[in-house]
């Protein structure tokens, strides 16, 4: 094949074809020892670059894994609490229903309408429970500001200070999130008598 044919086939002149061909060893013009040293430096540089690229790839992979984890957690959280607004609107209905039934005397006739109301109460409680609603511990529990709202305190010698002795309004949590804190009365240590009041010692002083 002539040079002309090669030019026609490749579209390059012989000089251009020669320029595009890189030498296998660009340090071939150097003495052998210098070639080895230069190639060693290039190899070390290439290894550093590979290490850096590997580190970047591992970081990108870790960031992607963290992103997926956060996305999954957010998706689960949205699913768990998506009905929280509906549930908070149902809680007053439940409380009114519980209060109404608690005022019906046990001696009242067990009429069909009363059974119907009790059935509604059971179904509502069952629905709330199935959705992850649980009542916050009340009487006997130690006051927890994350779950309880103290609306008053009372002196008590029967209960330790900080113990809930009365529930004014029940509290509820949805899964692990408090959606309504319990309003409670908390026990406290009895206050000591006023030392300024009359005592045997003060009376003796007054008599003198």
C-alpha atoms as a PDB file:
ATOM      1  CA  UNK A   1       0.000   0.000   0.000  1.00  0.00           C
ATOM      2  CA  UNK A   2       1.404   3.393  -1.004  1.00  0.00           C
ATOM      3  CA  UNK A   3       1.484   6.432   1.245  1.00  0.00           C
ATOM      4  CA  UNK A   4      -1.158   7.994  -0.980  1.00  0.00           C
ATOM      5  CA  UNK A   5      -3.454   5.001  -0.460  1.00  0.00           C
ATOM      6  CA  UNK A   6      -2.899   5.194   3.276  1.00  0.00           C
ATOM      7  CA  UNK A   7      -3.740   8.905   3.221  1.00  0.00           C
ATOM      8  CA  UNK A   8      -6.882   8.205   1.244  1.00  0.00           C
ATOM      9  CA  UNK A   9      -7.959   5.470   3.689  1.00  0.00           C
ATOM     10  CA  UNK A  10      -7.172   7.177   6.986  1.00  0.00           C
ATOM     11  CA  UNK A  11      -7.619  10.768   5.987  1.00  0.00           C
ATOM     12  CA  UNK A  12      -4.177  11.602   7.442  1.00  0.00           C
ATOM     13  CA  UNK A  13      -0.864  12.385   5.853  1.00  0.00           C
ATOM     14  CA  UNK A  14       2.095  10.194   6.824  1.00  0.00           C
ATOM     15  CA  UNK A  15       3.460  13.072   8.921  1.00  0.00           C
ATOM     16  CA  UNK A  16       0.130  13.525  10.767  1.00  0.00           C
ATOM     17  CA  UNK A  17      -0.157   9.801  11.382  1.00  0.00           C
ATOM     18  CA  UNK A  18       3.305   9.773  12.894  1.00  0.00           C
ATOM     19  CA  UNK A  19       2.482  12.717  15.197  1.00  0.00           C
ATOM     20  CA  UNK A  20      -0.634  10.984  16.575  1.00  0.00           C
ATOM     21  CA  UNK A  21       1.335   7.925  17.627  1.00  0.00           C
ATOM     22  CA  UNK A  22       2.627   8.479  21.183  1.00  0.00           C
ATOM     23  CA  UNK A  23       5.868   6.759  22.069  1.00  0.00           C
ATOM     24  CA  UNK A  24       5.642   3.743  24.342  1.00  0.00           C
ATOM     25  CA  UNK A  25       8.223   5.288  26.674  1.00  0.00           C
ATOM     26  CA  UNK A  26       8.508   9.061  26.571  1.00  0.00           C
ATOM     27  CA  UNK A  27      11.670   8.839  28.611  1.00  0.00           C
ATOM     28  CA  UNK A  28      13.428   6.606  26.101  1.00  0.00           C
ATOM     29  CA  UNK A  29      15.886   9.369  25.281  1.00  0.00           C
ATOM     30  CA  UNK A  30      17.198   9.275  28.866  1.00  0.00           C
ATOM     31  CA  UNK A  31      19.793   6.897  30.300  1.00  0.00           C
ATOM     32  CA  UNK A  32      18.356   3.653  31.659  1.00  0.00           C
ATOM     33  CA  UNK A  33      18.694   4.596  35.343  1.00  0.00           C
ATOM     34  CA  UNK A  34      16.973   7.932  34.771  1.00  0.00           C
ATOM     35  CA  UNK A  35      14.235   6.184  32.812  1.00  0.00           C
ATOM     36  CA  UNK A  36      13.617   3.821  35.739  1.00  0.00           C
ATOM     37  CA  UNK A  37      13.540   6.724  38.197  1.00  0.00           C
ATOM     38  CA  UNK A  38      11.158   8.745  36.023  1.00  0.00           C
ATOM     39  CA  UNK A  39       8.844   5.783  35.525  1.00  0.00           C
ATOM     40  CA  UNK A  40       8.908   5.143  39.271  1.00  0.00           C
ATOM     41  CA  UNK A  41       7.806   8.715  39.940  1.00  0.00           C
ATOM     42  CA  UNK A  42       4.995   8.379  37.424  1.00  0.00           C
ATOM     43  CA  UNK A  43       3.911   5.112  39.032  1.00  0.00           C
ATOM     44  CA  UNK A  44       3.894   6.707  42.492  1.00  0.00           C
ATOM     45  CA  UNK A  45       1.858   9.626  41.183  1.00  0.00           C
ATOM     46  CA  UNK A  46      -0.590   7.268  39.508  1.00  0.00           C
ATOM     47  CA  UNK A  47      -0.970   5.293  42.754  1.00  0.00           C
ATOM     48  CA  UNK A  48      -1.721   8.500  44.678  1.00  0.00           C
ATOM     49  CA  UNK A  49      -4.310   9.468  42.081  1.00  0.00           C
ATOM     50  CA  UNK A  50      -5.900   6.021  42.262  1.00  0.00           C
ATOM     51  CA  UNK A  51      -6.035   6.261  46.066  1.00  0.00           C
ATOM     52  CA  UNK A  52      -7.655   9.696  45.879  1.00  0.00           C
ATOM     53  CA  UNK A  53     -10.206   8.523  43.335  1.00  0.00           C
ATOM     54  CA  UNK A  54     -10.979   5.470  45.472  1.00  0.00           C
ATOM     55  CA  UNK A  55     -11.477   7.700  48.523  1.00  0.00           C
ATOM     56  CA  UNK A  56     -13.829   9.965  46.564  1.00  0.00           C
ATOM     57  CA  UNK A  57     -15.769   6.951  45.312  1.00  0.00           C
ATOM     58  CA  UNK A  58     -16.112   5.558  48.850  1.00  0.00           C
ATOM     59  CA  UNK A  59     -17.299   8.930  50.155  1.00  0.00           C
ATOM     60  CA  UNK A  60     -19.839   9.217  47.376  1.00  0.00           C
ATOM     61  CA  UNK A  61     -21.048   5.693  48.121  1.00  0.00           C
ATOM     62  CA  UNK A  62     -21.357   6.492  51.849  1.00  0.00           C
ATOM     63  CA  UNK A  63     -23.267   9.712  51.111  1.00  0.00           C
ATOM     64  CA  UNK A  64     -25.617   7.828  48.832  1.00  0.00           C
ATOM     65  CA  UNK A  65     -26.215   5.196  51.524  1.00  0.00           C
ATOM     66  CA  UNK A  66     -26.915   7.919  54.113  1.00  0.00           C
ATOM     67  CA  UNK A  67     -29.268   9.672  51.714  1.00  0.00           C
ATOM     68  CA  UNK A  68     -31.201   6.461  51.127  1.00  0.00           C
ATOM     69  CA  UNK A  69     -31.355   5.820  54.869  1.00  0.00           C
ATOM     70  CA  UNK A  70     -32.685   9.318  55.578  1.00  0.00           C
ATOM     71  CA  UNK A  71     -35.203   8.979  52.779  1.00  0.00           C
ATOM     72  CA  UNK A  72     -36.435   5.646  54.146  1.00  0.00           C
ATOM     73  CA  UNK A  73     -36.688   7.066  57.684  1.00  0.00           C
ATOM     74  CA  UNK A  74     -38.621  10.102  56.454  1.00  0.00           C
ATOM     75  CA  UNK A  75     -40.959   7.896  54.449  1.00  0.00           C
ATOM     76  CA  UNK A  76     -41.607   5.679  57.480  1.00  0.00           C
ATOM     77  CA  UNK A  77     -42.106   8.726  59.718  1.00  0.00           C
ATOM     78  CA  UNK A  78     -44.591  10.273  57.303  1.00  0.00           C
ATOM     79  CA  UNK A  79     -46.505   7.013  57.208  1.00  0.00           C
ATOM     80  CA  UNK A  80     -46.561   6.664  61.010  1.00  0.00           C
ATOM     81  CA  UNK A  81     -47.763  10.178  61.745  1.00  0.00           C
ATOM     82  CA  UNK A  82     -49.762  11.005  58.624  1.00  0.00           C
ATOM     83  CA  UNK A  83     -53.066  10.650  60.507  1.00  0.00           C
ATOM     84  CA  UNK A  84     -52.004  12.591  63.622  1.00  0.00           C
ATOM     85  CA  UNK A  85     -54.306  15.529  62.797  1.00  0.00           C
ATOM     86  CA  UNK A  86     -57.328  13.247  62.489  1.00  0.00           C
ATOM     87  CA  UNK A  87     -56.488  11.494  65.746  1.00  0.00           C
ATOM     88  CA  UNK A  88     -56.062  14.740  67.688  1.00  0.00           C
ATOM     89  CA  UNK A  89     -59.538  15.753  66.506  1.00  0.00           C
ATOM     90  CA  UNK A  90     -60.983  12.427  67.666  1.00  0.00           C
ATOM     91  CA  UNK A  91     -59.510  12.639  71.178  1.00  0.00           C
ATOM     92  CA  UNK A  92     -62.053  15.214  72.463  1.00  0.00           C
ATOM     93  CA  UNK A  93     -64.850  13.000  71.135  1.00  0.00           C
ATOM     94  CA  UNK A  94     -63.401  10.029  73.011  1.00  0.00           C
ATOM     95  CA  UNK A  95     -63.025  12.061  76.205  1.00  0.00           C
ATOM     96  CA  UNK A  96     -66.611  13.336  76.061  1.00  0.00           C
ATOM     97  CA  UNK A  97     -67.873   9.820  75.407  1.00  0.00           C
ATOM     98  CA  UNK A  98     -65.846   8.378  78.293  1.00  0.00           C
ATOM     99  CA  UNK A  99     -67.040  11.145  80.615  1.00  0.00           C
ATOM    100  CA  UNK A 100     -70.686  10.654  79.674  1.00  0.00           C
ATOM    101  CA  UNK A 101     -70.551   6.908  80.253  1.00  0.00           C
ATOM    102  CA  UNK A 102     -68.717   7.329  83.567  1.00  0.00           C
ATOM    103  CA  UNK A 103     -71.654   9.346  84.945  1.00  0.00           C
ATOM    104  CA  UNK A 104     -74.214   6.642  84.172  1.00  0.00           C
ATOM    105  CA  UNK A 105     -74.985   4.812  87.451  1.00  0.00           C
ATOM    106  CA  UNK A 106     -74.333   1.094  87.573  1.00  0.00           C
ATOM    107  CA  UNK A 107     -77.961   0.559  88.580  1.00  0.00           C
ATOM    108  CA  UNK A 108     -79.197   2.107  85.332  1.00  0.00           C
ATOM    109  CA  UNK A 109     -81.139  -0.300  83.120  1.00  0.00           C
ATOM    110  CA  UNK A 110     -79.044  -1.866  80.400  1.00  0.00           C
ATOM    111  CA  UNK A 111     -81.117  -0.501  77.529  1.00  0.00           C
ATOM    112  CA  UNK A 112     -80.290  -1.042  73.892  1.00  0.00           C
ATOM    113  CA  UNK A 113     -79.331   2.618  73.385  1.00  0.00           C
ATOM    114  CA  UNK A 114     -76.804   2.379  76.210  1.00  0.00           C
ATOM    115  CA  UNK A 115     -75.341  -0.777  74.703  1.00  0.00           C
ATOM    116  CA  UNK A 116     -75.093   1.058  71.385  1.00  0.00           C
ATOM    117  CA  UNK A 117     -73.115   3.899  72.974  1.00  0.00           C
ATOM    118  CA  UNK A 118     -70.790   1.423  74.695  1.00  0.00           C
ATOM    119  CA  UNK A 119     -70.271  -0.334  71.376  1.00  0.00           C
ATOM    120  CA  UNK A 120     -69.284   2.975  69.769  1.00  0.00           C
ATOM    121  CA  UNK A 121     -66.853   3.582  72.620  1.00  0.00           C
ATOM    122  CA  UNK A 122     -65.250   0.155  72.182  1.00  0.00           C
ATOM    123  CA  UNK A 123     -64.918   0.603  68.421  1.00  0.00           C
ATOM    124  CA  UNK A 124     -63.381   4.057  68.815  1.00  0.00           C
ATOM    125  CA  UNK A 125     -60.901   2.791  71.396  1.00  0.00           C
ATOM    126  CA  UNK A 126     -60.053  -0.174  69.178  1.00  0.00           C
ATOM    127  CA  UNK A 127     -59.460   2.107  66.200  1.00  0.00           C
ATOM    128  CA  UNK A 128     -57.172   4.439  68.157  1.00  0.00           C
ATOM    129  CA  UNK A 129     -55.220   1.506  69.549  1.00  0.00           C
ATOM    130  CA  UNK A 130     -54.769  -0.009  66.090  1.00  0.00           C
ATOM    131  CA  UNK A 131     -53.354   3.318  64.880  1.00  0.00           C
ATOM    132  CA  UNK A 132     -50.709   3.331  67.610  1.00  0.00           C
ATOM    133  CA  UNK A 133     -52.423   5.581  70.164  1.00  0.00           C
ATOM    134  CA  UNK A 134     -51.649   4.820  73.818  1.00  0.00           C
ATOM    135  CA  UNK A 135     -52.683   6.613  76.996  1.00  0.00           C
ATOM    136  CA  UNK A 136     -49.890   8.205  79.007  1.00  0.00           C
ATOM    137  CA  UNK A 137     -49.376   6.836  82.526  1.00  0.00           C
ATOM    138  CA  UNK A 138     -51.308   8.886  85.057  1.00  0.00           C
ATOM    139  CA  UNK A 139     -51.973   8.277  88.740  1.00  0.00           C
ATOM    140  CA  UNK A 140     -48.960   6.749  90.471  1.00  0.00           C
ATOM    141  CA  UNK A 141     -46.491   7.761  87.777  1.00  0.00           C
ATOM    142  CA  UNK A 142     -43.576  10.075  88.502  1.00  0.00           C
ATOM    143  CA  UNK A 143     -44.070  13.491  86.932  1.00  0.00           C
ATOM    144  CA  UNK A 144     -42.376  13.672  83.536  1.00  0.00           C
ATOM    145  CA  UNK A 145     -42.333  17.125  81.902  1.00  0.00           C
ATOM    146  CA  UNK A 146     -42.108  15.458  78.491  1.00  0.00           C
ATOM    147  CA  UNK A 147     -45.478  13.735  79.036  1.00  0.00           C
ATOM    148  CA  UNK A 148     -47.219  15.579  81.868  1.00  0.00           C
ATOM    149  CA  UNK A 149     -48.452  19.122  82.340  1.00  0.00           C
ATOM    150  CA  UNK A 150     -48.702  20.065  86.019  1.00  0.00           C
ATOM    151  CA  UNK A 151     -51.817  22.145  86.621  1.00  0.00           C
ATOM    152  CA  UNK A 152     -51.473  22.045  90.403  1.00  0.00           C
ATOM    153  CA  UNK A 153     -49.713  20.557  93.426  1.00  0.00           C
ATOM    154  CA  UNK A 154     -50.992  19.234  96.743  1.00  0.00           C
ATOM    155  CA  UNK A 155     -49.297  18.534 100.047  1.00  0.00           C
ATOM    156  CA  UNK A 156     -49.261  14.809 100.712  1.00  0.00           C
ATOM    157  CA  UNK A 157     -47.800  12.512 103.340  1.00  0.00           C
ATOM    158  CA  UNK A 158     -49.084   9.404 101.565  1.00  0.00           C
ATOM    159  CA  UNK A 159     -47.292   9.954  98.261  1.00  0.00           C
ATOM    160  CA  UNK A 160     -43.676  10.846  97.462  1.00  0.00           C
ATOM    161  CA  UNK A 161     -42.995  14.303  96.108  1.00  0.00           C
ATOM    162  CA  UNK A 162     -43.296  14.423  92.336  1.00  0.00           C
ATOM    163  CA  UNK A 163     -45.826  11.593  92.059  1.00  0.00           C
ATOM    164  CA  UNK A 164     -49.013  12.120  90.071  1.00  0.00           C
ATOM    165  CA  UNK A 165     -51.990  11.887  92.420  1.00  0.00           C
ATOM    166  CA  UNK A 166     -54.770  13.083  90.112  1.00  0.00           C
ATOM    167  CA  UNK A 167     -55.374  13.275  86.355  1.00  0.00           C
ATOM    168  CA  UNK A 168     -57.372  16.298  85.233  1.00  0.00           C
ATOM    169  CA  UNK A 169     -57.187  15.400  81.550  1.00  0.00           C
ATOM    170  CA  UNK A 170     -55.777  12.196  80.081  1.00  0.00           C
ATOM    171  CA  UNK A 171     -52.720  12.382  77.856  1.00  0.00           C
ATOM    172  CA  UNK A 172     -51.931  10.357  74.754  1.00  0.00           C
ATOM    173  CA  UNK A 173     -48.991   9.482  72.557  1.00  0.00           C
ATOM    174  CA  UNK A 174     -48.995   8.360  68.938  1.00  0.00           C
ATOM    175  CA  UNK A 175     -46.322   5.678  68.684  1.00  0.00           C
ATOM    176  CA  UNK A 176     -43.385   7.420  70.408  1.00  0.00           C
ATOM    177  CA  UNK A 177     -44.631  10.997  69.965  1.00  0.00           C
ATOM    178  CA  UNK A 178     -46.718  12.844  72.566  1.00  0.00           C
ATOM    179  CA  UNK A 179     -49.774  14.346  70.872  1.00  0.00           C
ATOM    180  CA  UNK A 180     -51.539  15.455  74.064  1.00  0.00           C
ATOM    181  CA  UNK A 181     -49.764  15.835  77.419  1.00  0.00           C
ATOM    182  CA  UNK A 182     -51.628  14.658  80.498  1.00  0.00           C
ATOM    183  CA  UNK A 183     -52.812  17.450  82.787  1.00  0.00           C
ATOM    184  CA  UNK A 184     -52.109  16.307  86.333  1.00  0.00           C
ATOM    185  CA  UNK A 185     -51.965  17.236  90.009  1.00  0.00           C
ATOM    186  CA  UNK A 186     -48.594  16.413  91.570  1.00  0.00           C
ATOM    187  CA  UNK A 187     -47.806  15.564  95.190  1.00  0.00           C
ATOM    188  CA  UNK A 188     -45.366  17.697  97.144  1.00  0.00           C
ATOM    189  CA  UNK A 189     -43.861  17.525 100.594  1.00  0.00           C
ATOM    190  CA  UNK A 190     -46.007  19.219 103.258  1.00  0.00           C
ATOM    191  CA  UNK A 191     -44.861  22.726 104.067  1.00  0.00           C
ATOM    192  CA  UNK A 192     -43.495  23.183 107.622  1.00  0.00           C
ATOM    193  CA  UNK A 193     -45.488  25.188 110.116  1.00  0.00           C
ATOM    194  CA  UNK A 194     -44.698  28.869 110.348  1.00  0.00           C
ATOM    195  CA  UNK A 195     -42.014  29.269 112.985  1.00  0.00           C
ATOM    196  CA  UNK A 196     -43.459  32.655 113.936  1.00  0.00           C
ATOM    197  CA  UNK A 197     -46.558  31.029 115.430  1.00  0.00           C
ATOM    198  CA  UNK A 198     -46.813  30.607 119.158  1.00  0.00           C
ATOM    199  CA  UNK A 199     -44.693  27.827 120.670  1.00  0.00           C
ATOM    200  CA  UNK A 200     -44.089  26.754 124.285  1.00  0.00           C
ATOM    201  CA  UNK A 201     -40.758  28.593 124.276  1.00  0.00           C
ATOM    202  CA  UNK A 202     -42.286  31.819 122.975  1.00  0.00           C
ATOM    203  CA  UNK A 203     -45.065  31.640 125.526  1.00  0.00           C
ATOM    204  CA  UNK A 204     -42.557  31.290 128.365  1.00  0.00           C
ATOM    205  CA  UNK A 205     -40.696  34.322 127.042  1.00  0.00           C
ATOM    206  CA  UNK A 206     -43.894  36.329 126.916  1.00  0.00           C
ATOM    207  CA  UNK A 207     -44.761  35.306 130.510  1.00  0.00           C
ATOM    208  CA  UNK A 208     -41.387  36.541 131.722  1.00  0.00           C
END
